[in-house]
Amino acid sequence: MRVRRSDKGRRDYLVDAFALLQGWTRDGHEMRRTLPLDDSQHAALTESMKVAADALQLRAEARRLDGHTQIRVPTPEGGGLSDSEVALAARIEDLYKRITGVVA
């Protein structure tokens, strides 16, 4: 027997999954995260992040500001979070931990 989930249940699941990603925020139609990285770590994260975003067919932007890397992942206008967007945020978090050696 196949169990169908309502769209509301799916949205609740994604909101809960996103909430587990510490440091990530949603602001309007984007997800954001600011990370303390040096220039070489920023370059490594940006390159790896682009590969992950391309694989999920999403956009992700990173910029340097005052010794920090600001990450922005636009989300569709009028829509909630998607599986792919939450997966990308989680992947970026994993990349950050691998690049910096941060242990969760």
C-alpha atoms as a PDB file:
ATOM      1  CA  MET A   1       0.000   0.000   0.000  1.00  0.00           C
ATOM      2  CA  ARG A   2       1.300   3.413  -0.944  1.00  0.00           C
ATOM      3  CA  VAL A   3       0.908   6.302   1.484  1.00  0.00           C
ATOM      4  CA  ARG A   4       0.339   9.740   0.031  1.00  0.00           C
ATOM      5  CA  ARG A   5       1.583  12.780   1.830  1.00  0.00           C
ATOM      6  CA  SER A   6      -0.274  16.035   1.583  1.00  0.00           C
ATOM      7  CA  ASP A   7       1.567  19.107   0.334  1.00  0.00           C
ATOM      8  CA  LYS A   8       1.216  20.554   3.818  1.00  0.00           C
ATOM      9  CA  GLY A   9       2.985  17.541   5.346  1.00  0.00           C
ATOM     10  CA  ARG A  10       5.778  17.917   2.828  1.00  0.00           C
ATOM     11  CA  ARG A  11       6.153  21.622   3.577  1.00  0.00           C
ATOM     12  CA  ASP A  12       6.245  20.892   7.315  1.00  0.00           C
ATOM     13  CA  TYR A  13       8.956  18.291   6.728  1.00  0.00           C
ATOM     14  CA  LEU A  14      11.057  20.749   4.702  1.00  0.00           C
ATOM     15  CA  VAL A  15      10.629  23.545   7.238  1.00  0.00           C
ATOM     16  CA  ASP A  16      11.705  21.141   9.998  1.00  0.00           C
ATOM     17  CA  ALA A  17      14.691  19.940   7.939  1.00  0.00           C
ATOM     18  CA  PHE A  18      15.738  23.521   7.191  1.00  0.00           C
ATOM     19  CA  ALA A  19      15.471  24.431  10.888  1.00  0.00           C
ATOM     20  CA  LEU A  20      18.112  21.783  11.657  1.00  0.00           C
ATOM     21  CA  LEU A  21      20.651  23.679   9.541  1.00  0.00           C
ATOM     22  CA  GLN A  22      22.153  25.973  12.145  1.00  0.00           C
ATOM     23  CA  GLY A  23      23.058  29.456  10.993  1.00  0.00           C
ATOM     24  CA  TRP A  24      20.810  29.425   7.926  1.00  0.00           C
ATOM     25  CA  THR A  25      18.000  31.962   7.686  1.00  0.00           C
ATOM     26  CA  ARG A  26      15.219  32.656   5.239  1.00  0.00           C
ATOM     27  CA  ASP A  27      14.614  36.219   4.178  1.00  0.00           C
ATOM     28  CA  GLY A  28      11.831  36.742   1.683  1.00  0.00           C
ATOM     29  CA  HIS A  29      12.725  34.670  -1.360  1.00  0.00           C
ATOM     30  CA  GLU A  30      16.192  33.521  -0.345  1.00  0.00           C
ATOM     31  CA  MET A  31      18.134  31.448   2.141  1.00  0.00           C
ATOM     32  CA  ARG A  32      21.254  32.990   3.681  1.00  0.00           C
ATOM     33  CA  ARG A  33      24.297  31.975   5.676  1.00  0.00           C
ATOM     34  CA  THR A  34      27.401  33.929   6.732  1.00  0.00           C
ATOM     35  CA  LEU A  35      30.591  31.971   7.396  1.00  0.00           C
ATOM     36  CA  PRO A  36      33.968  33.022   8.845  1.00  0.00           C
ATOM     37  CA  LEU A  37      36.402  31.949   6.104  1.00  0.00           C
ATOM     38  CA  ASP A  38      39.774  33.145   4.895  1.00  0.00           C
ATOM     39  CA  ASP A  39      40.360  33.861   1.203  1.00  0.00           C
ATOM     40  CA  SER A  40      41.573  30.368   0.282  1.00  0.00           C
ATOM     41  CA  GLN A  41      38.717  28.693   2.162  1.00  0.00           C
ATOM     42  CA  HIS A  42      36.278  31.049   0.433  1.00  0.00           C
ATOM     43  CA  ALA A  43      37.657  30.071  -2.977  1.00  0.00           C
ATOM     44  CA  ALA A  44      37.412  26.358  -2.171  1.00  0.00           C
ATOM     45  CA  LEU A  45      33.863  26.671  -0.852  1.00  0.00           C
ATOM     46  CA  THR A  46      32.708  28.792  -3.781  1.00  0.00           C
ATOM     47  CA  GLU A  47      34.019  26.303  -6.338  1.00  0.00           C
ATOM     48  CA  SER A  48      32.537  23.273  -4.582  1.00  0.00           C
ATOM     49  CA  MET A  49      29.281  25.093  -3.947  1.00  0.00           C
ATOM     50  CA  LYS A  50      28.904  25.880  -7.652  1.00  0.00           C
ATOM     51  CA  VAL A  51      29.289  22.198  -8.538  1.00  0.00           C
ATOM     52  CA  ALA A  52      26.650  21.215  -5.956  1.00  0.00           C
ATOM     53  CA  ALA A  53      24.240  23.945  -7.114  1.00  0.00           C
ATOM     54  CA  ASP A  54      24.677  22.978 -10.775  1.00  0.00           C
ATOM     55  CA  ALA A  55      23.953  19.334  -9.950  1.00  0.00           C
ATOM     56  CA  LEU A  56      20.686  20.380  -8.288  1.00  0.00           C
ATOM     57  CA  GLN A  57      19.918  22.908 -11.047  1.00  0.00           C
ATOM     58  CA  LEU A  58      19.875  25.791  -8.585  1.00  0.00           C
ATOM     59  CA  ARG A  59      21.746  29.053  -8.181  1.00  0.00           C
ATOM     60  CA  ALA A  60      23.922  29.868  -5.218  1.00  0.00           C
ATOM     61  CA  GLU A  61      25.923  33.042  -4.765  1.00  0.00           C
ATOM     62  CA  ALA A  62      28.875  33.704  -2.474  1.00  0.00           C
ATOM     63  CA  ARG A  63      30.610  36.998  -1.790  1.00  0.00           C
ATOM     64  CA  ARG A  64      33.318  38.242   0.544  1.00  0.00           C
ATOM     65  CA  LEU A  65      32.585  40.988   3.028  1.00  0.00           C
ATOM     66  CA  ASP A  66      34.728  41.988   6.000  1.00  0.00           C
ATOM     67  CA  GLY A  67      36.539  38.641   6.221  1.00  0.00           C
ATOM     68  CA  HIS A  68      33.365  36.606   5.959  1.00  0.00           C
ATOM     69  CA  THR A  69      31.670  34.693   3.166  1.00  0.00           C
ATOM     70  CA  GLN A  70      28.028  35.493   2.624  1.00  0.00           C
ATOM     71  CA  ILE A  71      26.016  32.798   0.872  1.00  0.00           C
ATOM     72  CA  ARG A  72      22.692  33.431  -0.797  1.00  0.00           C
ATOM     73  CA  VAL A  73      20.411  30.810  -2.362  1.00  0.00           C
ATOM     74  CA  PRO A  74      17.404  32.367  -4.117  1.00  0.00           C
ATOM     75  CA  THR A  75      14.103  30.515  -3.709  1.00  0.00           C
ATOM     76  CA  PRO A  76      11.167  30.716  -6.133  1.00  0.00           C
ATOM     77  CA  GLU A  77       8.815  33.628  -5.715  1.00  0.00           C
ATOM     78  CA  GLY A  78       5.525  32.660  -4.131  1.00  0.00           C
ATOM     79  CA  GLY A  79       6.709  29.177  -3.226  1.00  0.00           C
ATOM     80  CA  GLY A  80       7.968  27.526  -0.119  1.00  0.00           C
ATOM     81  CA  LEU A  81      11.149  25.571   0.274  1.00  0.00           C
ATOM     82  CA  SER A  82      11.884  22.746  -2.126  1.00  0.00           C
ATOM     83  CA  ASP A  83      13.696  19.475  -1.474  1.00  0.00           C
ATOM     84  CA  SER A  84      16.544  20.660  -3.694  1.00  0.00           C
ATOM     85  CA  GLU A  85      16.997  23.964  -1.869  1.00  0.00           C
ATOM     86  CA  VAL A  86      17.186  22.308   1.540  1.00  0.00           C
ATOM     87  CA  ALA A  87      19.551  19.681   0.100  1.00  0.00           C
ATOM     88  CA  LEU A  88      21.796  22.430  -1.298  1.00  0.00           C
ATOM     89  CA  ALA A  89      21.926  24.250   2.044  1.00  0.00           C
ATOM     90  CA  ALA A  90      22.839  20.973   3.766  1.00  0.00           C
ATOM     91  CA  ARG A  91      25.510  20.248   1.137  1.00  0.00           C
ATOM     92  CA  ILE A  92      27.009  23.730   1.544  1.00  0.00           C
ATOM     93  CA  GLU A  93      27.093  23.173   5.296  1.00  0.00           C
ATOM     94  CA  ASP A  94      28.931  19.874   4.786  1.00  0.00           C
ATOM     95  CA  LEU A  95      31.395  21.541   2.399  1.00  0.00           C
ATOM     96  CA  TYR A  96      32.049  24.281   4.944  1.00  0.00           C
ATOM     97  CA  LYS A  97      32.778  21.739   7.678  1.00  0.00           C
ATOM     98  CA  ARG A  98      35.074  19.731   5.408  1.00  0.00           C
ATOM     99  CA  ILE A  99      37.012  22.809   4.228  1.00  0.00           C
ATOM    100  CA  THR A 100      37.479  24.259   7.709  1.00  0.00           C
ATOM    101  CA  GLY A 101      37.753  21.026   9.671  1.00  0.00           C
ATOM    102  CA  VAL A 102      34.833  22.087  11.875  1.00  0.00           C
ATOM    103  CA  VAL A 103      33.324  19.137  13.718  1.00  0.00           C
ATOM    104  CA  ALA A 104      29.578  19.193  14.277  1.00  0.00           C
END
